[in-house]
Amino acid sequence: MYCLVLGHKPKNIVAKVRAIVTKTPRIKNERAITKYPYEVIKPAPFQAFDDKVAAEWWRNYNLVKHARAEEPSDGIPNSQLANLKSVLWALAALYILCQNLYKLLGESDLQLEPSRLFES
């Protein structure tokens, strides 16, 4: 959705993040800060993306989605990559994208609910 608003139709996540970062460079370092009563965690989910490689949380998501039963050479099944850390980073990415998309759309009927997990 974000890329469509920007007028891009990239094929993979690295190209999508590149298009978003080109339009909104600050997103690369944006952090989603967890709220009290949770432990304060400040993930910056787009920081680890570069022009050729996706971030670890995205790679974990894809391995769980497409090859969860496989065991790489280290003997640990990909299904174990489905963990709270990866979920938190994915939710942080979604939160940051929603916040930025809302700002990008400007005057609209879109109203965001306050997050119960992340600070605004």
N, C-alpha and C. Protein backbone atom coordinates (compact mmCIF):
# COMPACT_ATOMS: atom_id res chain seq x y z
N MET A 1 0.82 -1.19 0.00
CA MET A 1 0.00 0.00 0.00
C MET A 1 0.87 1.26 0.00
N TYR A 2 1.86 1.28 0.88
CA TYR A 2 2.74 2.45 1.00
C TYR A 2 3.40 2.73 -0.34
N CYS A 3 3.93 1.69 -0.97
CA CYS A 3 4.62 1.86 -2.26
C CYS A 3 3.66 2.32 -3.34
N LEU A 4 2.43 1.87 -3.32
CA LEU A 4 1.45 2.31 -4.30
C LEU A 4 1.16 3.80 -4.15
N VAL A 5 1.09 4.27 -2.91
CA VAL A 5 0.89 5.70 -2.66
C VAL A 5 2.07 6.49 -3.20
N LEU A 6 3.27 5.90 -3.11
CA LEU A 6 4.47 6.56 -3.63
C LEU A 6 4.58 6.44 -5.15
N GLY A 7 3.74 5.63 -5.75
CA GLY A 7 3.77 5.45 -7.20
C GLY A 7 4.75 4.39 -7.66
N HIS A 8 5.11 3.45 -6.78
CA HIS A 8 6.06 2.39 -7.13
C HIS A 8 5.36 1.04 -7.04
N LYS A 9 5.85 0.08 -7.82
CA LYS A 9 5.37 -1.29 -7.74
C LYS A 9 6.56 -2.25 -7.69
N PRO A 10 7.40 -2.14 -6.65
CA PRO A 10 8.56 -3.02 -6.57
C PRO A 10 8.16 -4.47 -6.34
N LYS A 11 9.03 -5.38 -6.75
CA LYS A 11 8.73 -6.81 -6.71
C LYS A 11 9.10 -7.48 -5.39
N ASN A 12 10.12 -7.01 -4.70
CA ASN A 12 10.55 -7.68 -3.47
C ASN A 12 10.72 -6.68 -2.32
N ILE A 13 10.91 -7.20 -1.14
CA ILE A 13 10.95 -6.35 0.05
C ILE A 13 12.13 -5.38 0.03
N VAL A 14 13.26 -5.78 -0.47
CA VAL A 14 14.42 -4.89 -0.52
C VAL A 14 14.12 -3.69 -1.42
N ALA A 15 13.51 -3.95 -2.57
CA ALA A 15 13.14 -2.85 -3.48
C ALA A 15 12.06 -1.97 -2.87
N LYS A 16 11.13 -2.57 -2.15
CA LYS A 16 10.08 -1.79 -1.49
C LYS A 16 10.67 -0.87 -0.43
N VAL A 17 11.54 -1.41 0.40
CA VAL A 17 12.16 -0.58 1.44
C VAL A 17 13.01 0.51 0.81
N ARG A 18 13.73 0.19 -0.28
CA ARG A 18 14.52 1.20 -0.98
C ARG A 18 13.63 2.34 -1.48
N ALA A 19 12.47 2.02 -2.05
CA ALA A 19 11.55 3.05 -2.53
C ALA A 19 11.03 3.91 -1.39
N ILE A 20 10.72 3.28 -0.27
CA ILE A 20 10.22 4.02 0.89
C ILE A 20 11.30 4.91 1.48
N VAL A 21 12.52 4.38 1.61
CA VAL A 21 13.63 5.16 2.17
C VAL A 21 14.00 6.32 1.25
N THR A 22 13.89 6.13 -0.06
CA THR A 22 14.16 7.22 -1.00
C THR A 22 13.20 8.38 -0.77
N LYS A 23 11.94 8.07 -0.55
CA LYS A 23 10.93 9.10 -0.33
C LYS A 23 10.98 9.66 1.09
N THR A 24 11.26 8.80 2.06
CA THR A 24 11.27 9.19 3.48
C THR A 24 12.56 8.69 4.12
N PRO A 25 13.69 9.36 3.91
CA PRO A 25 14.98 8.85 4.40
C PRO A 25 15.05 8.63 5.91
N ARG A 26 14.31 9.43 6.67
CA ARG A 26 14.39 9.31 8.13
C ARG A 26 13.81 7.98 8.65
N ILE A 27 13.00 7.32 7.82
CA ILE A 27 12.37 6.07 8.26
C ILE A 27 13.41 4.99 8.56
N LYS A 28 14.55 5.09 7.91
CA LYS A 28 15.63 4.11 8.09
C LYS A 28 16.05 4.02 9.56
N ASN A 29 16.02 5.14 10.27
CA ASN A 29 16.47 5.17 11.66
C ASN A 29 15.34 5.33 12.68
N GLU A 30 14.10 5.37 12.21
CA GLU A 30 12.98 5.53 13.14
C GLU A 30 12.85 4.30 14.03
N ARG A 31 12.49 4.59 15.28
CA ARG A 31 12.31 3.53 16.27
C ARG A 31 10.88 3.55 16.80
N ALA A 32 10.38 2.39 17.11
CA ALA A 32 9.09 2.26 17.79
C ALA A 32 9.42 1.89 19.23
N ILE A 33 9.04 2.73 20.15
CA ILE A 33 9.39 2.53 21.56
C ILE A 33 8.21 1.92 22.30
N THR A 34 8.46 0.80 22.97
CA THR A 34 7.37 0.13 23.69
C THR A 34 6.94 0.95 24.90
N LYS A 35 5.67 0.81 25.26
CA LYS A 35 5.08 1.55 26.37
C LYS A 35 5.20 0.79 27.69
N TYR A 36 5.07 1.53 28.77
CA TYR A 36 4.90 0.94 30.08
C TYR A 36 3.58 0.19 30.08
N PRO A 37 3.41 -0.94 30.65
CA PRO A 37 4.22 -1.65 31.61
C PRO A 37 5.19 -2.64 30.99
N TYR A 38 5.38 -2.58 29.68
CA TYR A 38 6.31 -3.49 29.03
C TYR A 38 7.74 -3.01 29.22
N GLU A 39 8.67 -3.93 29.07
CA GLU A 39 10.08 -3.54 29.07
C GLU A 39 10.30 -2.56 27.92
N VAL A 40 11.09 -1.53 28.14
CA VAL A 40 11.35 -0.55 27.09
C VAL A 40 12.29 -1.16 26.06
N ILE A 41 11.76 -1.32 24.87
CA ILE A 41 12.53 -1.84 23.74
C ILE A 41 12.36 -0.83 22.62
N LYS A 42 13.43 -0.56 21.89
CA LYS A 42 13.40 0.48 20.85
C LYS A 42 13.85 -0.07 19.50
N PRO A 43 13.06 -0.96 18.89
CA PRO A 43 13.48 -1.51 17.61
C PRO A 43 13.47 -0.47 16.49
N ALA A 44 14.48 -0.54 15.64
CA ALA A 44 14.56 0.27 14.41
C ALA A 44 14.53 -0.73 13.26
N PRO A 45 13.35 -1.19 12.86
CA PRO A 45 13.24 -2.33 11.95
C PRO A 45 13.78 -2.14 10.54
N PHE A 46 13.93 -0.90 10.08
CA PHE A 46 14.40 -0.68 8.72
C PHE A 46 15.90 -0.41 8.64
N GLN A 47 16.56 -0.30 9.78
CA GLN A 47 17.98 0.02 9.82
C GLN A 47 18.84 -1.06 9.18
N ALA A 48 18.47 -2.32 9.33
CA ALA A 48 19.31 -3.42 8.85
C ALA A 48 19.10 -3.75 7.37
N PHE A 49 18.14 -3.11 6.71
CA PHE A 49 17.97 -3.32 5.28
C PHE A 49 19.06 -2.56 4.53
N ASP A 50 19.59 -3.17 3.48
CA ASP A 50 20.47 -2.42 2.58
C ASP A 50 20.02 -2.70 1.15
N ASP A 51 20.81 -2.34 0.18
CA ASP A 51 20.38 -2.47 -1.22
C ASP A 51 20.27 -3.91 -1.71
N LYS A 52 20.81 -4.86 -0.96
CA LYS A 52 20.77 -6.25 -1.43
C LYS A 52 20.20 -7.23 -0.43
N VAL A 53 20.18 -6.88 0.85
CA VAL A 53 19.81 -7.84 1.89
C VAL A 53 18.68 -7.29 2.76
N ALA A 54 17.71 -8.15 3.05
CA ALA A 54 16.62 -7.79 3.95
C ALA A 54 17.08 -7.93 5.40
N ALA A 55 16.39 -7.28 6.29
CA ALA A 55 16.69 -7.37 7.72
C ALA A 55 16.43 -8.78 8.24
N GLU A 56 17.08 -9.11 9.34
CA GLU A 56 16.96 -10.46 9.91
C GLU A 56 15.51 -10.82 10.24
N TRP A 57 14.74 -9.89 10.80
CA TRP A 57 13.36 -10.20 11.17
C TRP A 57 12.53 -10.56 9.93
N TRP A 58 12.83 -9.93 8.79
CA TRP A 58 12.10 -10.25 7.56
C TRP A 58 12.54 -11.60 7.01
N ARG A 59 13.84 -11.87 7.06
CA ARG A 59 14.34 -13.18 6.59
C ARG A 59 13.75 -14.30 7.45
N ASN A 60 13.68 -14.10 8.77
CA ASN A 60 13.08 -15.09 9.67
C ASN A 60 11.62 -15.34 9.29
N TYR A 61 10.89 -14.26 9.05
CA TYR A 61 9.48 -14.37 8.66
C TYR A 61 9.35 -15.23 7.40
N ASN A 62 10.18 -14.97 6.41
CA ASN A 62 10.10 -15.72 5.16
C ASN A 62 10.49 -17.18 5.33
N LEU A 63 11.48 -17.47 6.16
CA LEU A 63 11.86 -18.86 6.40
C LEU A 63 10.75 -19.61 7.11
N VAL A 64 10.09 -18.96 8.06
CA VAL A 64 8.97 -19.60 8.75
C VAL A 64 7.80 -19.79 7.79
N LYS A 65 7.56 -18.80 6.96
CA LYS A 65 6.43 -18.86 6.03
C LYS A 65 6.62 -19.91 4.94
N HIS A 66 7.81 -19.98 4.36
CA HIS A 66 8.02 -20.82 3.18
C HIS A 66 8.76 -22.13 3.45
N ALA A 67 9.50 -22.22 4.55
CA ALA A 67 10.32 -23.41 4.78
C ALA A 67 10.40 -23.76 6.26
N ARG A 68 9.26 -23.71 6.95
CA ARG A 68 9.28 -23.87 8.41
C ARG A 68 9.75 -25.24 8.87
N ALA A 69 9.54 -26.28 8.07
CA ALA A 69 9.92 -27.63 8.49
C ALA A 69 11.37 -27.97 8.18
N GLU A 70 12.04 -27.15 7.39
CA GLU A 70 13.43 -27.44 7.02
C GLU A 70 14.38 -27.15 8.17
N GLU A 71 15.48 -27.91 8.18
CA GLU A 71 16.54 -27.69 9.17
C GLU A 71 17.81 -27.30 8.44
N PRO A 72 18.26 -26.05 8.62
CA PRO A 72 19.53 -25.66 8.00
C PRO A 72 20.70 -26.45 8.60
N SER A 73 21.88 -26.18 8.14
CA SER A 73 23.07 -26.93 8.55
C SER A 73 23.33 -26.88 10.06
N ASP A 74 22.82 -25.86 10.76
CA ASP A 74 23.06 -25.79 12.20
C ASP A 74 22.14 -26.72 13.00
N GLY A 75 21.17 -27.39 12.32
CA GLY A 75 20.32 -28.37 12.97
C GLY A 75 19.12 -27.79 13.70
N ILE A 76 18.95 -26.48 13.66
CA ILE A 76 17.81 -25.85 14.33
C ILE A 76 16.73 -25.61 13.27
N PRO A 77 15.53 -26.16 13.47
CA PRO A 77 14.48 -25.99 12.46
C PRO A 77 14.07 -24.52 12.30
N ASN A 78 13.73 -24.16 11.07
CA ASN A 78 13.30 -22.79 10.80
C ASN A 78 12.07 -22.39 11.62
N SER A 79 11.28 -23.37 12.04
CA SER A 79 10.09 -23.05 12.83
C SER A 79 10.44 -22.33 14.13
N GLN A 80 11.64 -22.53 14.62
CA GLN A 80 12.06 -21.86 15.87
C GLN A 80 12.38 -20.38 15.65
N LEU A 81 12.42 -19.96 14.40
CA LEU A 81 12.62 -18.54 14.11
C LEU A 81 11.35 -17.74 14.36
N ALA A 82 10.23 -18.44 14.55
CA ALA A 82 8.96 -17.78 14.89
C ALA A 82 9.01 -17.49 16.38
N ASN A 83 9.56 -16.33 16.71
CA ASN A 83 9.73 -15.99 18.12
C ASN A 83 9.23 -14.56 18.39
N LEU A 84 9.13 -14.20 19.64
CA LEU A 84 8.59 -12.90 20.00
C LEU A 84 9.45 -11.74 19.51
N LYS A 85 10.76 -11.93 19.43
CA LYS A 85 11.62 -10.86 18.94
C LYS A 85 11.27 -10.51 17.49
N SER A 86 11.16 -11.53 16.65
CA SER A 86 10.83 -11.28 15.25
C SER A 86 9.45 -10.65 15.11
N VAL A 87 8.50 -11.09 15.92
CA VAL A 87 7.15 -10.52 15.88
C VAL A 87 7.18 -9.06 16.32
N LEU A 88 7.92 -8.76 17.38
CA LEU A 88 8.00 -7.38 17.87
C LEU A 88 8.60 -6.47 16.80
N TRP A 89 9.65 -6.92 16.13
CA TRP A 89 10.27 -6.10 15.09
C TRP A 89 9.34 -5.92 13.89
N ALA A 90 8.58 -6.96 13.54
CA ALA A 90 7.62 -6.85 12.44
C ALA A 90 6.49 -5.88 12.81
N LEU A 91 6.01 -5.96 14.05
CA LEU A 91 4.97 -5.02 14.50
C LEU A 91 5.51 -3.59 14.55
N ALA A 92 6.76 -3.44 14.96
CA ALA A 92 7.38 -2.10 14.97
C ALA A 92 7.44 -1.54 13.55
N ALA A 93 7.79 -2.38 12.59
CA ALA A 93 7.84 -1.94 11.19
C ALA A 93 6.46 -1.51 10.72
N LEU A 94 5.46 -2.31 11.03
CA LEU A 94 4.09 -1.97 10.65
C LEU A 94 3.64 -0.66 11.29
N TYR A 95 3.94 -0.48 12.56
CA TYR A 95 3.57 0.74 13.28
C TYR A 95 4.22 1.97 12.64
N ILE A 96 5.51 1.87 12.34
CA ILE A 96 6.24 2.99 11.73
C ILE A 96 5.68 3.29 10.34
N LEU A 97 5.41 2.25 9.56
CA LEU A 97 4.85 2.46 8.22
C LEU A 97 3.47 3.12 8.30
N CYS A 98 2.63 2.66 9.21
CA CYS A 98 1.29 3.26 9.36
C CYS A 98 1.38 4.72 9.76
N GLN A 99 2.26 5.04 10.71
CA GLN A 99 2.43 6.42 11.14
C GLN A 99 2.89 7.30 9.98
N ASN A 100 3.85 6.82 9.22
CA ASN A 100 4.38 7.60 8.10
C ASN A 100 3.39 7.70 6.95
N LEU A 101 2.65 6.64 6.69
CA LEU A 101 1.64 6.68 5.63
C LEU A 101 0.55 7.68 5.99
N TYR A 102 0.15 7.72 7.23
CA TYR A 102 -0.86 8.68 7.69
C TYR A 102 -0.38 10.11 7.45
N LYS A 103 0.89 10.38 7.78
CA LYS A 103 1.46 11.72 7.55
C LYS A 103 1.54 12.03 6.06
N LEU A 104 1.91 11.03 5.26
CA LEU A 104 2.04 11.20 3.82
C LEU A 104 0.70 11.53 3.17
N LEU A 105 -0.36 10.89 3.65
CA LEU A 105 -1.68 11.13 3.09
C LEU A 105 -2.25 12.49 3.51
N GLY A 106 -1.72 13.05 4.59
CA GLY A 106 -2.12 14.38 5.02
C GLY A 106 -3.59 14.44 5.40
N GLU A 107 -4.29 15.36 4.79
CA GLU A 107 -5.71 15.53 5.08
C GLU A 107 -6.48 14.35 4.50
N SER A 108 -6.96 13.49 5.38
CA SER A 108 -7.75 12.34 4.92
C SER A 108 -8.72 11.95 6.02
N ASP A 109 -9.57 11.02 5.70
CA ASP A 109 -10.53 10.51 6.67
C ASP A 109 -9.93 9.40 7.53
N LEU A 110 -8.69 9.04 7.25
CA LEU A 110 -8.03 7.97 7.98
C LEU A 110 -7.74 8.41 9.41
N GLN A 111 -8.22 7.64 10.36
CA GLN A 111 -7.96 7.91 11.77
C GLN A 111 -7.27 6.69 12.37
N LEU A 112 -6.11 6.91 12.97
CA LEU A 112 -5.38 5.80 13.59
C LEU A 112 -5.77 5.66 15.04
N GLU A 113 -5.98 4.43 15.46
CA GLU A 113 -6.23 4.15 16.87
C GLU A 113 -4.90 4.29 17.61
N PRO A 114 -4.90 4.78 18.83
CA PRO A 114 -3.65 4.82 19.60
C PRO A 114 -3.14 3.40 19.83
N SER A 115 -1.85 3.25 19.73
CA SER A 115 -1.23 1.94 19.94
C SER A 115 -1.20 1.61 21.43
N ARG A 116 -1.48 0.36 21.74
CA ARG A 116 -1.36 -0.09 23.14
C ARG A 116 0.04 -0.61 23.43
N LEU A 117 0.83 -0.82 22.38
CA LEU A 117 2.17 -1.38 22.53
C LEU A 117 3.26 -0.33 22.39
N PHE A 118 3.09 0.61 21.44
CA PHE A 118 4.14 1.57 21.15
C PHE A 118 3.75 3.00 21.51
N GLU A 119 4.77 3.80 21.88
CA GLU A 119 4.57 5.23 22.15
C GLU A 119 4.27 5.93 20.84
N SER A 120 3.52 7.00 20.90
CA SER A 120 3.23 7.79 19.69
C SER A 120 4.34 8.76 19.41
